[in-house]
Amino acid sequence: MKKLITITLAICLALGAGNVYGQQTGKQKETKEQKEVKVQKSEGEKVMEKEMEKAQEGEIKMEKQRDKAQDSEKEMEKEMEKAQDSEKVMEKEMERAQKGEKEMEKQRDKAIEGQNDPQGNAYGRNKGGLEGKEFGQARAADAKAAKRAKAKRERMHKRAMVKRGR
């Protein structure tokens, strides 16, 4: 009986081993076929991936160009605002200069009215309580200030003429 059991076990093992071997070779064939399909797919996928990368790079370049265009538009707007601000400042300076000119003309008219005395340099003038050297220094400072004001008035006048000529 032992022999019979061992023989049946040997036969079962032989049959089982044959089936297992057959299954393994079938699986190996399937895996080889799958690998070949994967290789074929992977080559096509590689081409597709490269094309996708190129498309993405193109999109990135387009976004960068759009950003640059927006930045340049913003810079132009800022420059326009600066130009408008500088024009406003120049207009204010022109108004101040015109006011200064009017005041200087008034002072000049007053000075001319006070210089009707034909007797000499400071004879008969209102010296403001100053005498001698002090009066001379004050008079020189006034003359320098008048000269500077006149030069400034002439410059502003030239700028106004140039601006109007534009």
C-alpha atoms as a PDB file:
ATOM      1  CA  MET A   1       0.000   0.000   0.000  1.00  0.00           C
ATOM      2  CA  LYS A   2       2.879   2.207   0.708  1.00  0.00           C
ATOM      3  CA  LYS A   3       4.193   1.544  -2.732  1.00  0.00           C
ATOM      4  CA  LEU A   4       0.877   2.392  -4.275  1.00  0.00           C
ATOM      5  CA  ILE A   5       0.721   5.687  -2.391  1.00  0.00           C
ATOM      6  CA  THR A   6       4.271   6.580  -3.351  1.00  0.00           C
ATOM      7  CA  ILE A   7       3.606   5.766  -6.988  1.00  0.00           C
ATOM      8  CA  THR A   8       0.414   7.891  -7.035  1.00  0.00           C
ATOM      9  CA  LEU A   9       2.258  10.696  -5.342  1.00  0.00           C
ATOM     10  CA  ALA A  10       5.046  10.481  -7.891  1.00  0.00           C
ATOM     11  CA  ILE A  11       2.536  10.548 -10.739  1.00  0.00           C
ATOM     12  CA  CYS A  12       0.706  13.496  -9.191  1.00  0.00           C
ATOM     13  CA  LEU A  13       3.956  15.295  -8.719  1.00  0.00           C
ATOM     14  CA  ALA A  14       4.984  14.632 -12.311  1.00  0.00           C
ATOM     15  CA  LEU A  15       1.670  15.845 -13.649  1.00  0.00           C
ATOM     16  CA  GLY A  16       1.662  18.852 -11.338  1.00  0.00           C
ATOM     17  CA  ALA A  17       5.219  19.743 -12.253  1.00  0.00           C
ATOM     18  CA  GLY A  18       4.357  19.512 -15.965  1.00  0.00           C
ATOM     19  CA  ASN A  19       1.407  21.823 -15.479  1.00  0.00           C
ATOM     20  CA  VAL A  20       3.457  24.276 -13.463  1.00  0.00           C
ATOM     21  CA  TYR A  21       6.235  24.248 -16.072  1.00  0.00           C
ATOM     22  CA  GLY A  22       3.683  24.840 -18.825  1.00  0.00           C
ATOM     23  CA  GLN A  23       2.149  27.694 -16.940  1.00  0.00           C
ATOM     24  CA  GLN A  24       5.544  29.284 -16.308  1.00  0.00           C
ATOM     25  CA  THR A  25       6.507  29.155 -19.967  1.00  0.00           C
ATOM     26  CA  GLY A  26       3.124  30.627 -20.910  1.00  0.00           C
ATOM     27  CA  LYS A  27       3.585  33.425 -18.407  1.00  0.00           C
ATOM     28  CA  GLN A  28       7.076  34.058 -19.695  1.00  0.00           C
ATOM     29  CA  LYS A  29       5.732  34.383 -23.235  1.00  0.00           C
ATOM     30  CA  GLU A  30       3.045  36.793 -22.060  1.00  0.00           C
ATOM     31  CA  THR A  31       5.528  38.940 -20.149  1.00  0.00           C
ATOM     32  CA  LYS A  32       7.823  39.050 -23.195  1.00  0.00           C
ATOM     33  CA  GLU A  33       4.924  40.149 -25.371  1.00  0.00           C
ATOM     34  CA  GLN A  34       3.913  42.777 -22.797  1.00  0.00           C
ATOM     35  CA  LYS A  35       7.472  44.051 -22.629  1.00  0.00           C
ATOM     36  CA  GLU A  36       7.606  44.334 -26.406  1.00  0.00           C
ATOM     37  CA  VAL A  37       4.310  46.241 -26.415  1.00  0.00           C
ATOM     38  CA  LYS A  38       5.598  48.449 -23.612  1.00  0.00           C
ATOM     39  CA  VAL A  39       8.791  49.126 -25.546  1.00  0.00           C
ATOM     40  CA  GLN A  40       6.759  50.082 -28.592  1.00  0.00           C
ATOM     41  CA  LYS A  41       4.455  52.212 -26.471  1.00  0.00           C
ATOM     42  CA  SER A  42       7.360  53.771 -24.631  1.00  0.00           C
ATOM     43  CA  GLU A  43       8.980  54.872 -27.916  1.00  0.00           C
ATOM     44  CA  GLY A  44       5.731  56.477 -29.022  1.00  0.00           C
ATOM     45  CA  GLU A  45       5.249  57.921 -25.574  1.00  0.00           C
ATOM     46  CA  LYS A  46       8.753  59.350 -25.641  1.00  0.00           C
ATOM     47  CA  VAL A  47       7.995  61.131 -28.891  1.00  0.00           C
ATOM     48  CA  MET A  48       4.717  62.404 -27.439  1.00  0.00           C
ATOM     49  CA  GLU A  49       6.455  63.514 -24.221  1.00  0.00           C
ATOM     50  CA  LYS A  50       9.041  65.431 -26.219  1.00  0.00           C
ATOM     51  CA  GLU A  51       6.302  67.158 -28.179  1.00  0.00           C
ATOM     52  CA  MET A  52       4.442  67.946 -24.951  1.00  0.00           C
ATOM     53  CA  GLU A  53       7.615  69.394 -23.413  1.00  0.00           C
ATOM     54  CA  LYS A  54       8.138  71.573 -26.475  1.00  0.00           C
ATOM     55  CA  ALA A  55       4.557  72.774 -26.234  1.00  0.00           C
ATOM     56  CA  GLN A  56       4.974  73.554 -22.530  1.00  0.00           C
ATOM     57  CA  GLU A  57       8.212  75.423 -23.221  1.00  0.00           C
ATOM     58  CA  GLY A  58       6.413  77.437 -25.893  1.00  0.00           C
ATOM     59  CA  GLU A  59       3.637  78.275 -23.428  1.00  0.00           C
ATOM     60  CA  ILE A  60       6.190  79.340 -20.817  1.00  0.00           C
ATOM     61  CA  LYS A  61       7.903  81.593 -23.371  1.00  0.00           C
ATOM     62  CA  MET A  62       4.566  83.125 -24.303  1.00  0.00           C
ATOM     63  CA  GLU A  63       3.775  83.786 -20.633  1.00  0.00           C
ATOM     64  CA  LYS A  64       7.172  85.418 -20.147  1.00  0.00           C
ATOM     65  CA  GLN A  65       6.607  87.644 -23.170  1.00  0.00           C
ATOM     66  CA  ARG A  66       3.154  88.557 -21.873  1.00  0.00           C
ATOM     67  CA  ASP A  67       4.648  89.428 -18.491  1.00  0.00           C
ATOM     68  CA  LYS A  68       7.334  91.560 -20.149  1.00  0.00           C
ATOM     69  CA  ALA A  69       4.697  93.381 -22.174  1.00  0.00           C
ATOM     70  CA  GLN A  70       2.639  94.044 -19.044  1.00  0.00           C
ATOM     71  CA  ASP A  71       5.727  95.263 -17.192  1.00  0.00           C
ATOM     72  CA  SER A  72       6.646  97.611 -20.023  1.00  0.00           C
ATOM     73  CA  GLU A  73       3.063  98.945 -20.074  1.00  0.00           C
ATOM     74  CA  LYS A  74       3.263  99.611 -16.335  1.00  0.00           C
ATOM     75  CA  GLU A  75       6.611 101.367 -16.765  1.00  0.00           C
ATOM     76  CA  MET A  76       5.178 103.535 -19.528  1.00  0.00           C
ATOM     77  CA  GLU A  77       2.219 104.463 -17.314  1.00  0.00           C
ATOM     78  CA  LYS A  78       4.607 105.396 -14.493  1.00  0.00           C
ATOM     79  CA  GLU A  79       6.690 107.516 -16.854  1.00  0.00           C
ATOM     80  CA  MET A  80       3.555 109.251 -18.100  1.00  0.00           C
ATOM     81  CA  GLU A  81       2.536 110.002 -14.511  1.00  0.00           C
ATOM     82  CA  LYS A  82       6.012 111.371 -13.796  1.00  0.00           C
ATOM     83  CA  ALA A  83       5.828 113.546 -16.885  1.00  0.00           C
ATOM     84  CA  GLN A  84       2.426 114.878 -15.836  1.00  0.00           C
ATOM     85  CA  ASP A  85       3.731 115.550 -12.329  1.00  0.00           C
ATOM     86  CA  SER A  86       6.764 117.369 -13.697  1.00  0.00           C
ATOM     87  CA  GLU A  87       4.490 119.462 -15.935  1.00  0.00           C
ATOM     88  CA  LYS A  88       2.426 120.417 -12.883  1.00  0.00           C
ATOM     89  CA  VAL A  89       5.594 121.358 -11.005  1.00  0.00           C
ATOM     90  CA  MET A  90       6.780 123.462 -13.934  1.00  0.00           C
ATOM     91  CA  GLU A  91       3.401 125.221 -14.101  1.00  0.00           C
ATOM     92  CA  LYS A  92       3.602 125.996 -10.376  1.00  0.00           C
ATOM     93  CA  GLU A  93       7.140 127.322 -10.829  1.00  0.00           C
ATOM     94  CA  MET A  94       5.980 129.479 -13.700  1.00  0.00           C
ATOM     95  CA  GLU A  95       3.170 130.887 -11.571  1.00  0.00           C
ATOM     96  CA  ARG A  96       5.632 131.627  -8.761  1.00  0.00           C
ATOM     97  CA  ALA A  97       7.998 133.269 -11.223  1.00  0.00           C
ATOM     98  CA  GLN A  98       5.208 135.435 -12.610  1.00  0.00           C
ATOM     99  CA  LYS A  99       4.203 136.448  -9.093  1.00  0.00           C
ATOM    100  CA  GLY A 100       7.833 137.197  -8.321  1.00  0.00           C
ATOM    101  CA  GLU A 101       8.103 139.301 -11.471  1.00  0.00           C
ATOM    102  CA  LYS A 102       5.055 141.316 -10.487  1.00  0.00           C
ATOM    103  CA  GLU A 103       6.442 141.896  -7.008  1.00  0.00           C
ATOM    104  CA  MET A 104       9.840 142.883  -8.429  1.00  0.00           C
ATOM    105  CA  GLU A 105       8.172 145.335 -10.798  1.00  0.00           C
ATOM    106  CA  LYS A 106       6.288 146.862  -7.887  1.00  0.00           C
ATOM    107  CA  GLN A 107       9.504 147.167  -5.893  1.00  0.00           C
ATOM    108  CA  ARG A 108      11.304 148.629  -8.898  1.00  0.00           C
ATOM    109  CA  ASP A 109       8.538 151.189  -9.373  1.00  0.00           C
ATOM    110  CA  LYS A 110       8.769 152.136  -5.682  1.00  0.00           C
ATOM    111  CA  ALA A 111      12.544 152.423  -5.943  1.00  0.00           C
ATOM    112  CA  ILE A 112      12.274 154.613  -9.015  1.00  0.00           C
ATOM    113  CA  GLU A 113       9.821 156.877  -7.243  1.00  0.00           C
ATOM    114  CA  GLY A 114      12.277 157.247  -4.347  1.00  0.00           C
ATOM    115  CA  GLN A 115      15.236 158.112  -6.638  1.00  0.00           C
ATOM    116  CA  ASN A 116      13.927 161.429  -7.894  1.00  0.00           C
ATOM    117  CA  ASP A 117      16.559 163.286  -5.822  1.00  0.00           C
ATOM    118  CA  PRO A 118      19.297 164.493  -8.207  1.00  0.00           C
ATOM    119  CA  GLN A 119      21.875 165.241  -5.505  1.00  0.00           C
ATOM    120  CA  GLY A 120      24.038 162.139  -5.450  1.00  0.00           C
ATOM    121  CA  ASN A 121      24.350 158.531  -4.458  1.00  0.00           C
ATOM    122  CA  ALA A 122      22.629 158.217  -1.106  1.00  0.00           C
ATOM    123  CA  TYR A 123      21.921 161.832  -0.302  1.00  0.00           C
ATOM    124  CA  GLY A 124      18.443 162.254   1.046  1.00  0.00           C
ATOM    125  CA  ARG A 125      17.552 158.588   0.881  1.00  0.00           C
ATOM    126  CA  ASN A 126      15.939 156.699   3.671  1.00  0.00           C
ATOM    127  CA  LYS A 127      18.866 154.663   4.887  1.00  0.00           C
ATOM    128  CA  GLY A 128      16.886 152.687   7.436  1.00  0.00           C
ATOM    129  CA  GLY A 129      19.028 153.842  10.318  1.00  0.00           C
ATOM    130  CA  LEU A 130      22.273 152.654   8.681  1.00  0.00           C
ATOM    131  CA  GLU A 131      25.291 154.810   8.073  1.00  0.00           C
ATOM    132  CA  GLY A 132      28.632 154.514   6.337  1.00  0.00           C
ATOM    133  CA  LYS A 133      30.032 151.050   5.844  1.00  0.00           C
ATOM    134  CA  GLU A 134      26.886 149.269   7.050  1.00  0.00           C
ATOM    135  CA  PHE A 135      24.732 151.149   4.575  1.00  0.00           C
ATOM    136  CA  GLY A 136      27.157 150.353   1.736  1.00  0.00           C
ATOM    137  CA  GLN A 137      27.175 146.635   2.547  1.00  0.00           C
ATOM    138  CA  ALA A 138      23.382 146.515   2.751  1.00  0.00           C
ATOM    139  CA  ARG A 139      23.108 148.388  -0.531  1.00  0.00           C
ATOM    140  CA  ALA A 140      25.545 145.955  -2.231  1.00  0.00           C
ATOM    141  CA  ALA A 141      23.604 142.943  -0.901  1.00  0.00           C
ATOM    142  CA  ASP A 142      20.373 144.468  -2.258  1.00  0.00           C
ATOM    143  CA  ALA A 143      22.009 145.029  -5.635  1.00  0.00           C
ATOM    144  CA  LYS A 144      23.260 141.417  -5.780  1.00  0.00           C
ATOM    145  CA  ALA A 145      19.826 140.103  -4.841  1.00  0.00           C
ATOM    146  CA  ALA A 146      18.230 142.247  -7.541  1.00  0.00           C
ATOM    147  CA  LYS A 147      20.733 140.984 -10.099  1.00  0.00           C
ATOM    148  CA  ARG A 148      20.022 137.344  -9.156  1.00  0.00           C
ATOM    149  CA  ALA A 149      16.278 137.923  -9.311  1.00  0.00           C
ATOM    150  CA  LYS A 150      16.605 139.507 -12.741  1.00  0.00           C
ATOM    151  CA  ALA A 151      18.684 136.572 -14.034  1.00  0.00           C
ATOM    152  CA  LYS A 152      16.186 134.084 -12.616  1.00  0.00           C
ATOM    153  CA  ARG A 153      13.287 136.002 -14.154  1.00  0.00           C
ATOM    154  CA  GLU A 154      15.013 135.938 -17.549  1.00  0.00           C
ATOM    155  CA  ARG A 155      15.653 132.184 -17.302  1.00  0.00           C
ATOM    156  CA  MET A 156      12.032 131.503 -16.402  1.00  0.00           C
ATOM    157  CA  HIS A 157      10.921 133.708 -19.265  1.00  0.00           C
ATOM    158  CA  LYS A 158      13.123 131.751 -21.691  1.00  0.00           C
ATOM    159  CA  ARG A 159      11.762 128.437 -20.370  1.00  0.00           C
ATOM    160  CA  ALA A 160       8.223 129.689 -20.792  1.00  0.00           C
ATOM    161  CA  MET A 161       8.954 130.711 -24.354  1.00  0.00           C
ATOM    162  CA  VAL A 162      10.504 127.348 -25.146  1.00  0.00           C
ATOM    163  CA  LYS A 163       7.565 125.526 -23.583  1.00  0.00           C
ATOM    164  CA  ARG A 164       5.061 127.580 -25.566  1.00  0.00           C
ATOM    165  CA  GLY A 165       7.013 126.910 -28.740  1.00  0.00           C
ATOM    166  CA  ARG A 166       6.599 123.138 -28.382  1.00  0.00           C
END
